[in-house]
Amino acid sequence: MDEEEAQKKARNMVLRLLSFRARSRQEIAAYLERKGFTEQVNASIIQELEGYSYINDDQFADDFIGSRKSRGHGLKKIRYELYMKGLDERLIEQKIADHFDPDQDLLRIKALLEQRAARRAGIDERSEDRDRLLRREAAFLKRRGFQDNLIMKALKDFDPVE
């Protein structure tokens, strides 16, 4: 296959991939590499699609953070996921600083705790004591990627047995 055909095929494959969801520059590069295209074709296609703003790490980070925050994920988990998507560390830190505020995160944690308490309201919890419930909630929030200091602040005022 000559280079022009390879570029056309690579372009179509990447456009089809981008039709499902936005991807980072690194994700596209890894995808093209897995498909066996040369580095020259990969660089050409990525540059072309960046020119059309189909690949834009800055916008990708904003959208990704918004999506994950709406699902109830915290700063630490989102930072890790962005890192795994291949985004530049400076960009990640800039976007984290833009999108996260400790006061808002504390409110999000409290809202999550209230939702979980409401779901648990019908379940008989006499067998579980307060400390065990608090540990369970803290573990849940840590898995969601919230910061330890914010978890402790939220749990200080939270009564899981109510």
C-alpha atoms as a PDB file:
ATOM      1  CA  MET A   1       0.000   0.000   0.000  1.00  0.00           C
ATOM      2  CA  ASP A   2       1.460   3.366  -0.942  1.00  0.00           C
ATOM      3  CA  GLU A   3       1.631   6.257   1.500  1.00  0.00           C
ATOM      4  CA  GLU A   4      -1.391   8.107   0.110  1.00  0.00           C
ATOM      5  CA  GLU A   5      -3.591   5.045   0.517  1.00  0.00           C
ATOM      6  CA  ALA A   6      -2.204   4.459   4.009  1.00  0.00           C
ATOM      7  CA  GLN A   7      -3.015   8.036   4.999  1.00  0.00           C
ATOM      8  CA  LYS A   8      -6.536   7.749   3.647  1.00  0.00           C
ATOM      9  CA  LYS A   9      -7.113   4.479   5.472  1.00  0.00           C
ATOM     10  CA  ALA A  10      -5.607   5.844   8.710  1.00  0.00           C
ATOM     11  CA  ARG A  11      -7.670   9.037   8.473  1.00  0.00           C
ATOM     12  CA  ASN A  12     -10.893   7.056   8.021  1.00  0.00           C
ATOM     13  CA  MET A  13     -10.051   4.745  10.905  1.00  0.00           C
ATOM     14  CA  VAL A  14      -9.291   7.653  13.246  1.00  0.00           C
ATOM     15  CA  LEU A  15     -12.414   9.557  12.226  1.00  0.00           C
ATOM     16  CA  ARG A  16     -14.503   6.459  12.901  1.00  0.00           C
ATOM     17  CA  LEU A  17     -12.799   6.080  16.308  1.00  0.00           C
ATOM     18  CA  LEU A  18     -13.456   9.743  17.121  1.00  0.00           C
ATOM     19  CA  SER A  19     -17.132   9.333  16.253  1.00  0.00           C
ATOM     20  CA  PHE A  20     -17.606   7.315  19.451  1.00  0.00           C
ATOM     21  CA  ARG A  21     -15.913   9.752  21.838  1.00  0.00           C
ATOM     22  CA  ALA A  22     -13.135  12.326  21.936  1.00  0.00           C
ATOM     23  CA  ARG A  23      -9.599  10.985  22.296  1.00  0.00           C
ATOM     24  CA  SER A  24      -6.325  12.448  23.416  1.00  0.00           C
ATOM     25  CA  ARG A  25      -3.412  12.874  21.045  1.00  0.00           C
ATOM     26  CA  GLN A  26      -1.598  10.015  22.755  1.00  0.00           C
ATOM     27  CA  GLU A  27      -4.584   7.684  22.454  1.00  0.00           C
ATOM     28  CA  ILE A  28      -4.775   8.357  18.694  1.00  0.00           C
ATOM     29  CA  ALA A  29      -1.027   7.818  18.282  1.00  0.00           C
ATOM     30  CA  ALA A  30      -1.194   4.508  20.171  1.00  0.00           C
ATOM     31  CA  TYR A  31      -4.210   3.417  18.131  1.00  0.00           C
ATOM     32  CA  LEU A  32      -2.475   4.110  14.812  1.00  0.00           C
ATOM     33  CA  GLU A  33       0.669   2.381  16.014  1.00  0.00           C
ATOM     34  CA  ARG A  34      -1.331  -0.719  17.017  1.00  0.00           C
ATOM     35  CA  LYS A  35      -2.885  -0.756  13.549  1.00  0.00           C
ATOM     36  CA  GLY A  36       0.583  -0.903  11.994  1.00  0.00           C
ATOM     37  CA  PHE A  37       0.875   2.474  10.314  1.00  0.00           C
ATOM     38  CA  THR A  38       4.294   4.086   9.935  1.00  0.00           C
ATOM     39  CA  GLU A  39       5.396   6.924  12.174  1.00  0.00           C
ATOM     40  CA  GLN A  40       5.315   9.288   9.222  1.00  0.00           C
ATOM     41  CA  VAL A  41       1.669   8.448   8.458  1.00  0.00           C
ATOM     42  CA  ASN A  42       0.783   8.688  12.168  1.00  0.00           C
ATOM     43  CA  ALA A  43       2.372  12.123  12.537  1.00  0.00           C
ATOM     44  CA  SER A  44       0.783  13.367   9.325  1.00  0.00           C
ATOM     45  CA  ILE A  45      -2.734  12.255  10.298  1.00  0.00           C
ATOM     46  CA  ILE A  46      -2.447  13.570  13.843  1.00  0.00           C
ATOM     47  CA  GLN A  47      -1.186  16.941  12.612  1.00  0.00           C
ATOM     48  CA  GLU A  48      -3.975  17.151  10.036  1.00  0.00           C
ATOM     49  CA  LEU A  49      -6.711  16.306  12.547  1.00  0.00           C
ATOM     50  CA  GLU A  50      -5.267  18.719  15.104  1.00  0.00           C
ATOM     51  CA  GLY A  51      -5.474  21.391  12.422  1.00  0.00           C
ATOM     52  CA  TYR A  52      -9.209  20.725  12.146  1.00  0.00           C
ATOM     53  CA  SER A  53      -9.473  20.581  15.987  1.00  0.00           C
ATOM     54  CA  TYR A  54     -10.702  16.986  15.861  1.00  0.00           C
ATOM     55  CA  ILE A  55      -7.851  16.193  18.234  1.00  0.00           C
ATOM     56  CA  ASN A  56      -7.459  18.814  20.943  1.00  0.00           C
ATOM     57  CA  ASP A  57      -5.960  17.765  24.280  1.00  0.00           C
ATOM     58  CA  ASP A  58      -6.973  21.025  25.945  1.00  0.00           C
ATOM     59  CA  GLN A  59     -10.656  20.583  25.071  1.00  0.00           C
ATOM     60  CA  PHE A  60     -10.446  16.853  25.751  1.00  0.00           C
ATOM     61  CA  ALA A  61      -9.222  17.523  29.308  1.00  0.00           C
ATOM     62  CA  ASP A  62     -12.043  20.011  29.973  1.00  0.00           C
ATOM     63  CA  ASP A  63     -14.698  17.609  28.708  1.00  0.00           C
ATOM     64  CA  PHE A  64     -13.200  14.624  30.507  1.00  0.00           C
ATOM     65  CA  ILE A  65     -13.027  16.435  33.847  1.00  0.00           C
ATOM     66  CA  GLY A  66     -16.619  17.658  33.492  1.00  0.00           C
ATOM     67  CA  SER A  67     -17.828  14.166  32.674  1.00  0.00           C
ATOM     68  CA  ARG A  68     -16.016  12.527  35.568  1.00  0.00           C
ATOM     69  CA  LYS A  69     -17.053  15.203  38.055  1.00  0.00           C
ATOM     70  CA  SER A  70     -20.698  14.696  37.086  1.00  0.00           C
ATOM     71  CA  ARG A  71     -20.282  10.984  37.850  1.00  0.00           C
ATOM     72  CA  GLY A  72     -19.035  11.779  41.352  1.00  0.00           C
ATOM     73  CA  HIS A  73     -15.308  11.235  40.889  1.00  0.00           C
ATOM     74  CA  GLY A  74     -12.694  13.178  42.795  1.00  0.00           C
ATOM     75  CA  LEU A  75      -9.537  15.053  41.940  1.00  0.00           C
ATOM     76  CA  LYS A  76      -7.073  12.220  42.545  1.00  0.00           C
ATOM     77  CA  LYS A  77      -8.877   9.708  40.360  1.00  0.00           C
ATOM     78  CA  ILE A  78      -9.436  12.196  37.554  1.00  0.00           C
ATOM     79  CA  ARG A  79      -5.785  13.300  37.645  1.00  0.00           C
ATOM     80  CA  TYR A  80      -4.687   9.664  37.378  1.00  0.00           C
ATOM     81  CA  GLU A  81      -7.080   8.937  34.503  1.00  0.00           C
ATOM     82  CA  LEU A  82      -5.877  11.992  32.569  1.00  0.00           C
ATOM     83  CA  TYR A  83      -2.299  10.864  33.110  1.00  0.00           C
ATOM     84  CA  MET A  84      -3.210   7.413  31.781  1.00  0.00           C
ATOM     85  CA  LYS A  85      -4.761   9.050  28.691  1.00  0.00           C
ATOM     86  CA  GLY A  86      -1.314  10.452  27.892  1.00  0.00           C
ATOM     87  CA  LEU A  87      -1.917  14.128  28.568  1.00  0.00           C
ATOM     88  CA  ASP A  88       0.979  16.416  29.431  1.00  0.00           C
ATOM     89  CA  GLU A  89       1.482  16.822  33.195  1.00  0.00           C
ATOM     90  CA  ARG A  90       1.523  20.630  32.978  1.00  0.00           C
ATOM     91  CA  LEU A  91      -1.788  20.572  31.124  1.00  0.00           C
ATOM     92  CA  ILE A  92      -3.260  18.184  33.688  1.00  0.00           C
ATOM     93  CA  GLU A  93      -2.203  20.371  36.612  1.00  0.00           C
ATOM     94  CA  GLN A  94      -3.507  23.505  34.898  1.00  0.00           C
ATOM     95  CA  LYS A  95      -6.894  21.901  34.207  1.00  0.00           C
ATOM     96  CA  ILE A  96      -7.104  20.456  37.726  1.00  0.00           C
ATOM     97  CA  ALA A  97      -6.446  23.928  39.143  1.00  0.00           C
ATOM     98  CA  ASP A  98      -9.118  25.405  36.854  1.00  0.00           C
ATOM     99  CA  HIS A  99     -11.812  22.839  37.610  1.00  0.00           C
ATOM    100  CA  PHE A 100     -11.393  21.885  41.261  1.00  0.00           C
ATOM    101  CA  ASP A 101     -12.155  23.886  44.362  1.00  0.00           C
ATOM    102  CA  PRO A 102     -11.857  22.248  47.801  1.00  0.00           C
ATOM    103  CA  ASP A 103     -15.099  23.858  49.005  1.00  0.00           C
ATOM    104  CA  GLN A 104     -17.054  22.537  46.024  1.00  0.00           C
ATOM    105  CA  ASP A 105     -15.486  19.106  46.444  1.00  0.00           C
ATOM    106  CA  LEU A 106     -16.528  19.072  50.090  1.00  0.00           C
ATOM    107  CA  LEU A 107     -20.099  19.833  49.032  1.00  0.00           C
ATOM    108  CA  ARG A 108     -19.959  17.057  46.437  1.00  0.00           C
ATOM    109  CA  ILE A 109     -18.715  14.601  49.063  1.00  0.00           C
ATOM    110  CA  LYS A 110     -21.519  15.546  51.429  1.00  0.00           C
ATOM    111  CA  ALA A 111     -24.083  15.130  48.653  1.00  0.00           C
ATOM    112  CA  LEU A 112     -22.717  11.664  47.843  1.00  0.00           C
ATOM    113  CA  LEU A 113     -22.867  10.684  51.515  1.00  0.00           C
ATOM    114  CA  GLU A 114     -26.477  11.863  51.764  1.00  0.00           C
ATOM    115  CA  GLN A 115     -27.429   9.881  48.636  1.00  0.00           C
ATOM    116  CA  ARG A 116     -25.856   6.747  50.047  1.00  0.00           C
ATOM    117  CA  ALA A 117     -27.549   7.258  53.408  1.00  0.00           C
ATOM    118  CA  ALA A 118     -30.929   7.661  51.693  1.00  0.00           C
ATOM    119  CA  ARG A 119     -30.430   4.406  49.775  1.00  0.00           C
ATOM    120  CA  ARG A 120     -29.441   2.644  52.964  1.00  0.00           C
ATOM    121  CA  ALA A 121     -32.448   3.945  54.902  1.00  0.00           C
ATOM    122  CA  GLY A 122     -34.590   0.865  54.269  1.00  0.00           C
ATOM    123  CA  ILE A 123     -31.839  -1.616  55.152  1.00  0.00           C
ATOM    124  CA  ASP A 124     -31.574  -2.980  58.682  1.00  0.00           C
ATOM    125  CA  GLU A 125     -28.201  -1.752  59.940  1.00  0.00           C
ATOM    126  CA  ARG A 126     -28.415  -2.730  63.586  1.00  0.00           C
ATOM    127  CA  SER A 127     -25.582  -5.195  63.061  1.00  0.00           C
ATOM    128  CA  GLU A 128     -23.240  -2.460  61.886  1.00  0.00           C
ATOM    129  CA  ASP A 129     -21.893   0.082  64.305  1.00  0.00           C
ATOM    130  CA  ARG A 130     -21.157   3.715  63.543  1.00  0.00           C
ATOM    131  CA  ASP A 131     -17.385   3.286  63.184  1.00  0.00           C
ATOM    132  CA  ARG A 132     -17.737   0.486  60.673  1.00  0.00           C
ATOM    133  CA  LEU A 133     -20.175   2.535  58.589  1.00  0.00           C
ATOM    134  CA  LEU A 134     -17.826   5.525  58.654  1.00  0.00           C
ATOM    135  CA  ARG A 135     -14.925   3.329  57.501  1.00  0.00           C
ATOM    136  CA  ARG A 136     -17.081   1.987  54.661  1.00  0.00           C
ATOM    137  CA  GLU A 137     -18.027   5.508  53.563  1.00  0.00           C
ATOM    138  CA  ALA A 138     -14.405   6.673  53.780  1.00  0.00           C
ATOM    139  CA  ALA A 139     -13.275   3.714  51.649  1.00  0.00           C
ATOM    140  CA  PHE A 140     -15.993   4.468  49.089  1.00  0.00           C
ATOM    141  CA  LEU A 141     -14.917   8.104  48.843  1.00  0.00           C
ATOM    142  CA  LYS A 142     -11.231   7.147  48.540  1.00  0.00           C
ATOM    143  CA  ARG A 143     -12.082   4.794  45.661  1.00  0.00           C
ATOM    144  CA  ARG A 144     -13.870   7.691  44.013  1.00  0.00           C
ATOM    145  CA  GLY A 145     -10.626   9.668  44.211  1.00  0.00           C
ATOM    146  CA  PHE A 146     -11.446  12.330  46.764  1.00  0.00           C
ATOM    147  CA  GLN A 147      -8.698  13.852  48.892  1.00  0.00           C
ATOM    148  CA  ASP A 148      -8.191  12.452  52.388  1.00  0.00           C
ATOM    149  CA  ASN A 149      -8.480  15.789  54.166  1.00  0.00           C
ATOM    150  CA  LEU A 150     -11.835  16.518  52.507  1.00  0.00           C
ATOM    151  CA  ILE A 151     -13.115  13.035  53.320  1.00  0.00           C
ATOM    152  CA  MET A 152     -12.247  13.514  56.973  1.00  0.00           C
ATOM    153  CA  LYS A 153     -13.930  16.944  57.076  1.00  0.00           C
ATOM    154  CA  ALA A 154     -17.109  15.558  55.527  1.00  0.00           C
ATOM    155  CA  LEU A 155     -17.228  12.501  57.778  1.00  0.00           C
ATOM    156  CA  LYS A 156     -16.688  14.583  60.909  1.00  0.00           C
ATOM    157  CA  ASP A 157     -20.178  16.066  60.559  1.00  0.00           C
ATOM    158  CA  PHE A 158     -21.819  12.986  59.017  1.00  0.00           C
ATOM    159  CA  ASP A 159     -23.898  10.512  61.017  1.00  0.00           C
ATOM    160  CA  PRO A 160     -24.324   7.350  58.950  1.00  0.00           C
ATOM    161  CA  VAL A 161     -26.970   5.839  61.238  1.00  0.00           C
ATOM    162  CA  GLU A 162     -29.503   8.675  60.795  1.00  0.00           C
END
